[in-house]
């Protein structure tokens, strides 16, 4: 599953964008979004998803159950 950013909780701090190893995070309409086609849940790069690890607001980067798990 890809991650998604809960727009109403995003503070636009930009921290997640720079840490994403797949460049899946970008700004759109005043908030940040994760492109599910590019999100690999950081598998193969890090032990934990970097967007979740760096986000200052709990439960802002969450699993998007609309997409299947990433297969390396």
Protein backbone atom coordinates (compact mmCIF):
# COMPACT_ATOMS: atom_id res chain seq x y z
CA UNK A 1 0.00 0.00 0.00
CA UNK A 2 1.15 3.47 -0.67
CA UNK A 3 1.09 6.15 1.96
CA UNK A 4 -1.05 9.27 1.74
CA UNK A 5 -0.92 12.60 3.54
CA UNK A 6 -4.02 13.74 5.40
CA UNK A 7 -4.35 17.22 3.91
CA UNK A 8 -6.22 18.71 6.86
CA UNK A 9 -3.33 17.81 9.17
CA UNK A 10 -0.42 18.77 6.89
CA UNK A 11 1.45 21.84 8.19
CA UNK A 12 3.38 22.33 4.92
CA UNK A 13 6.69 22.03 6.75
CA UNK A 14 8.31 20.46 3.62
CA UNK A 15 10.31 17.93 5.70
CA UNK A 16 8.85 14.86 4.02
CA UNK A 17 9.42 16.01 0.45
CA UNK A 18 13.21 16.07 0.73
CA UNK A 19 13.42 12.71 2.54
CA UNK A 20 11.38 10.64 0.09
CA UNK A 21 13.82 8.34 -1.75
CA UNK A 22 11.39 7.95 -4.65
CA UNK A 23 10.49 11.62 -5.12
CA UNK A 24 6.87 10.60 -4.60
CA UNK A 25 5.99 13.64 -2.47
CA UNK A 26 5.17 17.01 -4.00
CA UNK A 27 3.23 20.15 -3.23
CA UNK A 28 -0.25 20.49 -4.66
CA UNK A 29 -2.83 23.14 -3.86
CA UNK A 30 -1.13 24.33 -0.68
CA UNK A 31 -0.48 20.93 0.85
CA UNK A 32 1.76 17.97 0.16
CA UNK A 33 0.62 14.79 -1.57
CA UNK A 34 2.14 11.38 -2.19
CA UNK A 35 1.99 9.90 -5.69
CA UNK A 36 0.85 6.31 -5.05
CA UNK A 37 2.47 5.15 -8.29
CA UNK A 38 5.89 6.20 -6.95
CA UNK A 39 5.49 5.29 -3.26
CA UNK A 40 7.30 2.10 -2.27
CA UNK A 41 6.72 2.53 1.48
CA UNK A 42 10.53 3.04 1.55
CA UNK A 43 10.99 -0.72 1.13
CA UNK A 44 14.53 -1.36 0.00
CA UNK A 45 15.67 2.06 1.18
CA UNK A 46 14.87 2.35 4.88
CA UNK A 47 13.45 0.22 7.68
CA UNK A 48 10.65 2.73 8.31
CA UNK A 49 8.74 5.00 5.93
CA UNK A 50 10.57 8.32 6.01
CA UNK A 51 7.46 10.48 5.65
CA UNK A 52 6.02 8.92 8.80
CA UNK A 53 9.33 9.18 10.67
CA UNK A 54 9.89 12.88 9.95
CA UNK A 55 6.34 14.26 10.08
CA UNK A 56 5.87 16.50 13.13
CA UNK A 57 2.13 15.75 13.29
CA UNK A 58 1.12 12.23 14.33
CA UNK A 59 -1.08 10.26 11.94
CA UNK A 60 -0.62 12.66 9.03
CA UNK A 61 1.20 10.19 6.78
CA UNK A 62 -0.96 7.09 6.77
CA UNK A 63 -1.42 3.92 4.72
CA UNK A 64 -3.71 4.43 1.73
CA UNK A 65 -5.71 1.21 1.68
CA UNK A 66 -6.98 2.00 -1.82
CA UNK A 67 -3.69 0.66 -3.18
CA UNK A 68 -2.10 -2.80 -2.84
CA UNK A 69 1.14 -3.38 -0.93
CA UNK A 70 4.29 -2.49 -2.81
CA UNK A 71 6.03 -5.51 -4.35
CA UNK A 72 9.79 -5.10 -4.79
